[in-house]
């Protein structure tokens, strides 16, 4: 089972984005968090069938204009380095 770790930067990014999305619409921050968990789960599932890059990889979330930056430290650790909102 792969472990998922968040950098302190990613944790701060999540807190900030929850506030940003909640400001747009009530409870949208919770929806963002659910979609983020789903996106990370998909990254983990996809990694089981493909080669894990040693470089930072970017995954775009489906329902939010957000990119997840991550790296596989080994076969057991997915390290989320940052989470950025797309600029309009």
N, C-alpha and C. Protein backbone atom coordinates (compact mmCIF):
# COMPACT_ATOMS: atom_id res chain seq x y z
N UNK A 1 0.85 -1.19 0.00
CA UNK A 1 0.00 0.00 0.00
C UNK A 1 0.89 1.25 0.00
N UNK A 2 0.64 2.11 -0.95
CA UNK A 2 1.45 3.32 -1.07
C UNK A 2 1.05 4.34 -0.01
N UNK A 3 2.05 4.97 0.58
CA UNK A 3 1.81 6.04 1.54
C UNK A 3 1.87 7.37 0.81
N UNK A 4 1.03 8.31 1.25
CA UNK A 4 0.99 9.64 0.65
C UNK A 4 1.44 10.64 1.71
N UNK A 5 2.45 11.44 1.36
CA UNK A 5 2.93 12.48 2.26
C UNK A 5 2.76 13.83 1.58
N UNK A 6 2.45 14.84 2.39
CA UNK A 6 2.31 16.20 1.90
C UNK A 6 3.44 17.05 2.45
N UNK A 7 4.07 17.84 1.59
CA UNK A 7 5.06 18.79 2.08
C UNK A 7 4.34 19.87 2.88
N UNK A 8 5.07 20.60 3.69
CA UNK A 8 4.44 21.70 4.45
C UNK A 8 3.91 22.75 3.47
N UNK A 9 4.56 22.91 2.34
CA UNK A 9 4.08 23.85 1.31
C UNK A 9 2.73 23.39 0.78
N UNK A 10 2.61 22.09 0.48
CA UNK A 10 1.35 21.55 -0.04
C UNK A 10 0.22 21.72 0.99
N UNK A 11 0.54 21.48 2.26
CA UNK A 11 -0.48 21.66 3.31
C UNK A 11 -0.97 23.10 3.35
N UNK A 12 -0.04 24.05 3.25
CA UNK A 12 -0.42 25.46 3.23
C UNK A 12 -1.22 25.79 1.98
N UNK A 13 -0.83 25.20 0.84
CA UNK A 13 -1.57 25.41 -0.41
C UNK A 13 -3.01 24.95 -0.26
N UNK A 14 -3.21 23.80 0.37
CA UNK A 14 -4.56 23.26 0.55
C UNK A 14 -5.39 24.19 1.42
N UNK A 15 -4.82 24.65 2.53
CA UNK A 15 -5.55 25.58 3.42
C UNK A 15 -5.95 26.85 2.67
N UNK A 16 -5.01 27.40 1.92
CA UNK A 16 -5.28 28.62 1.16
C UNK A 16 -6.37 28.38 0.12
N UNK A 17 -6.26 27.29 -0.64
CA UNK A 17 -7.24 27.02 -1.69
C UNK A 17 -8.62 26.74 -1.12
N UNK A 18 -8.69 26.11 0.05
CA UNK A 18 -9.99 25.90 0.68
C UNK A 18 -10.64 27.25 0.99
N UNK A 19 -9.84 28.20 1.48
CA UNK A 19 -10.38 29.54 1.76
C UNK A 19 -10.81 30.24 0.47
N UNK A 20 -10.00 30.11 -0.57
CA UNK A 20 -10.32 30.74 -1.85
C UNK A 20 -11.63 30.19 -2.41
N UNK A 21 -11.77 28.85 -2.41
CA UNK A 21 -12.98 28.25 -2.97
C UNK A 21 -14.20 28.50 -2.10
N UNK A 22 -14.02 28.55 -0.77
CA UNK A 22 -15.14 28.87 0.12
C UNK A 22 -15.61 30.30 -0.08
N UNK A 23 -14.68 31.19 -0.42
CA UNK A 23 -15.05 32.58 -0.68
C UNK A 23 -15.89 32.69 -1.95
N UNK A 24 -15.64 31.80 -2.91
CA UNK A 24 -16.41 31.79 -4.15
C UNK A 24 -17.82 31.28 -3.92
N UNK A 25 -17.94 30.23 -3.10
CA UNK A 25 -19.24 29.61 -2.85
C UNK A 25 -19.15 28.80 -1.56
N UNK A 26 -20.17 28.90 -0.73
CA UNK A 26 -20.18 28.19 0.54
C UNK A 26 -20.01 26.68 0.33
N UNK A 27 -19.17 26.09 1.13
CA UNK A 27 -18.87 24.65 1.11
C UNK A 27 -18.10 24.19 -0.13
N UNK A 28 -17.68 25.11 -0.98
CA UNK A 28 -16.91 24.70 -2.16
C UNK A 28 -15.52 24.20 -1.74
N UNK A 29 -15.03 24.69 -0.61
CA UNK A 29 -13.73 24.22 -0.10
C UNK A 29 -13.78 22.75 0.26
N UNK A 30 -14.90 22.30 0.81
CA UNK A 30 -15.08 20.88 1.14
C UNK A 30 -15.14 20.05 -0.14
N UNK A 31 -15.84 20.58 -1.15
CA UNK A 31 -15.89 19.89 -2.45
C UNK A 31 -14.49 19.77 -3.04
N UNK A 32 -13.70 20.85 -2.91
CA UNK A 32 -12.31 20.83 -3.38
C UNK A 32 -11.52 19.73 -2.68
N UNK A 33 -11.67 19.65 -1.36
CA UNK A 33 -10.94 18.65 -0.57
C UNK A 33 -11.31 17.23 -1.00
N UNK A 34 -12.60 16.98 -1.23
CA UNK A 34 -13.05 15.66 -1.69
C UNK A 34 -12.45 15.33 -3.05
N UNK A 35 -12.48 16.31 -3.96
CA UNK A 35 -11.94 16.09 -5.30
C UNK A 35 -10.42 15.89 -5.25
N UNK A 36 -9.76 16.61 -4.35
CA UNK A 36 -8.31 16.46 -4.19
C UNK A 36 -7.98 15.03 -3.75
N UNK A 37 -8.71 14.52 -2.76
CA UNK A 37 -8.49 13.14 -2.29
C UNK A 37 -8.72 12.15 -3.41
N UNK A 38 -9.77 12.38 -4.20
CA UNK A 38 -10.07 11.51 -5.34
C UNK A 38 -8.94 11.56 -6.37
N UNK A 39 -8.44 12.75 -6.65
CA UNK A 39 -7.36 12.91 -7.63
C UNK A 39 -6.09 12.21 -7.16
N UNK A 40 -5.76 12.34 -5.88
CA UNK A 40 -4.57 11.69 -5.33
C UNK A 40 -4.74 10.18 -5.39
N UNK A 41 -5.93 9.70 -5.09
CA UNK A 41 -6.21 8.27 -5.16
C UNK A 41 -6.01 7.75 -6.60
N UNK A 42 -6.43 8.54 -7.58
CA UNK A 42 -6.26 8.16 -8.98
C UNK A 42 -4.78 8.13 -9.37
N UNK A 43 -4.00 9.08 -8.84
CA UNK A 43 -2.55 9.08 -9.10
C UNK A 43 -1.95 7.78 -8.58
N UNK A 44 -2.33 7.40 -7.36
CA UNK A 44 -1.81 6.16 -6.75
C UNK A 44 -2.22 4.95 -7.58
N UNK A 45 -3.50 4.88 -7.96
CA UNK A 45 -3.98 3.75 -8.76
C UNK A 45 -3.26 3.66 -10.10
N UNK A 46 -3.09 4.81 -10.75
CA UNK A 46 -2.41 4.85 -12.05
C UNK A 46 -0.95 4.42 -11.92
N UNK A 47 -0.34 4.75 -10.79
CA UNK A 47 1.08 4.42 -10.60
C UNK A 47 1.31 2.91 -10.50
N UNK A 48 0.26 2.17 -10.14
CA UNK A 48 0.40 0.72 -10.02
C UNK A 48 0.61 0.05 -11.37
N UNK A 49 0.16 0.71 -12.45
CA UNK A 49 0.25 0.10 -13.77
C UNK A 49 1.27 0.78 -14.69
N UNK A 50 1.87 1.87 -14.21
CA UNK A 50 2.85 2.57 -15.04
C UNK A 50 4.15 2.77 -14.28
N UNK A 51 5.18 3.09 -15.02
CA UNK A 51 6.46 3.35 -14.38
C UNK A 51 6.41 4.66 -13.62
N UNK A 52 6.98 4.66 -12.43
CA UNK A 52 6.97 5.85 -11.59
C UNK A 52 8.16 6.74 -11.94
N UNK A 53 7.87 7.94 -12.34
CA UNK A 53 8.92 8.89 -12.70
C UNK A 53 9.64 9.39 -11.45
N UNK A 54 10.94 9.60 -11.58
CA UNK A 54 11.72 10.16 -10.47
C UNK A 54 11.73 11.69 -10.54
N UNK A 55 11.05 12.22 -11.54
CA UNK A 55 10.94 13.67 -11.71
C UNK A 55 9.61 14.15 -11.15
N UNK A 56 9.53 15.44 -10.85
CA UNK A 56 8.25 16.00 -10.39
C UNK A 56 7.26 15.92 -11.56
N UNK A 57 6.08 15.43 -11.26
CA UNK A 57 5.03 15.25 -12.25
C UNK A 57 3.85 16.14 -11.84
N UNK A 58 3.09 16.58 -12.83
CA UNK A 58 1.94 17.46 -12.56
C UNK A 58 0.67 16.78 -13.04
N UNK A 59 -0.34 16.80 -12.19
CA UNK A 59 -1.63 16.20 -12.51
C UNK A 59 -2.70 17.27 -12.34
N UNK A 60 -3.52 17.46 -13.37
CA UNK A 60 -4.60 18.46 -13.28
C UNK A 60 -5.84 17.79 -12.70
N UNK A 61 -6.44 18.46 -11.71
CA UNK A 61 -7.68 17.95 -11.12
C UNK A 61 -8.81 18.09 -12.12
N UNK A 62 -9.81 17.22 -12.01
CA UNK A 62 -10.91 17.22 -12.98
C UNK A 62 -11.91 18.36 -12.76
N UNK A 63 -12.32 18.58 -11.51
CA UNK A 63 -13.42 19.51 -11.26
C UNK A 63 -12.97 20.91 -10.82
N UNK A 64 -11.69 21.08 -10.58
CA UNK A 64 -11.17 22.36 -10.12
C UNK A 64 -9.96 22.76 -10.96
N UNK A 65 -9.74 24.07 -11.14
CA UNK A 65 -8.59 24.54 -11.93
C UNK A 65 -7.31 24.50 -11.09
N UNK A 66 -6.93 23.28 -10.70
CA UNK A 66 -5.82 23.10 -9.76
C UNK A 66 -4.89 22.01 -10.28
N UNK A 67 -3.60 22.21 -10.07
CA UNK A 67 -2.58 21.24 -10.47
C UNK A 67 -1.90 20.70 -9.23
N UNK A 68 -1.75 19.37 -9.19
CA UNK A 68 -1.06 18.70 -8.09
C UNK A 68 0.35 18.36 -8.57
N UNK A 69 1.35 18.83 -7.83
CA UNK A 69 2.75 18.54 -8.17
C UNK A 69 3.24 17.45 -7.21
N UNK A 70 3.80 16.39 -7.78
CA UNK A 70 4.20 15.27 -6.94
C UNK A 70 5.41 14.53 -7.50
N UNK A 71 5.96 13.69 -6.65
CA UNK A 71 7.09 12.85 -7.04
C UNK A 71 6.97 11.53 -6.28
N UNK A 72 7.41 10.47 -6.92
CA UNK A 72 7.47 9.18 -6.23
C UNK A 72 8.86 9.04 -5.65
N UNK A 73 8.94 8.90 -4.33
CA UNK A 73 10.24 8.76 -3.69
C UNK A 73 10.77 7.34 -3.84
N UNK A 74 9.86 6.39 -3.90
CA UNK A 74 10.18 5.00 -4.18
C UNK A 74 8.86 4.31 -4.51
N UNK A 75 8.83 3.00 -4.48
CA UNK A 75 7.59 2.29 -4.82
C UNK A 75 6.52 2.40 -3.75
N UNK A 76 6.87 2.96 -2.61
CA UNK A 76 5.92 2.98 -1.50
C UNK A 76 5.50 4.38 -1.06
N UNK A 77 6.13 5.43 -1.61
CA UNK A 77 5.84 6.78 -1.14
C UNK A 77 5.53 7.72 -2.30
N UNK A 78 4.35 8.35 -2.21
CA UNK A 78 3.97 9.43 -3.11
C UNK A 78 4.09 10.72 -2.30
N UNK A 79 4.93 11.63 -2.75
CA UNK A 79 5.19 12.87 -2.03
C UNK A 79 4.59 14.04 -2.82
N UNK A 80 3.56 14.67 -2.25
CA UNK A 80 2.92 15.83 -2.88
C UNK A 80 3.75 17.05 -2.49
N UNK A 81 4.34 17.71 -3.49
CA UNK A 81 5.24 18.83 -3.20
C UNK A 81 4.50 20.17 -3.13
N UNK A 82 3.48 20.34 -3.99
CA UNK A 82 2.76 21.62 -4.02
C UNK A 82 1.43 21.43 -4.75
N UNK A 83 0.52 22.36 -4.52
CA UNK A 83 -0.79 22.33 -5.18
C UNK A 83 -1.10 23.76 -5.61
N UNK A 84 -1.17 23.98 -6.92
CA UNK A 84 -1.33 25.32 -7.46
C UNK A 84 -2.65 25.50 -8.18
N UNK A 85 -3.27 26.65 -7.98
CA UNK A 85 -4.46 27.03 -8.73
C UNK A 85 -4.01 27.65 -10.04
N UNK A 86 -4.71 27.30 -11.12
CA UNK A 86 -4.39 27.90 -12.42
C UNK A 86 -4.67 29.40 -12.37
N UNK A 87 -3.84 30.15 -13.04
CA UNK A 87 -4.09 31.59 -13.15
C UNK A 87 -5.01 31.83 -14.33
N UNK A 88 -5.95 32.71 -14.12
CA UNK A 88 -6.91 33.01 -15.21
C UNK A 88 -6.38 34.09 -16.12
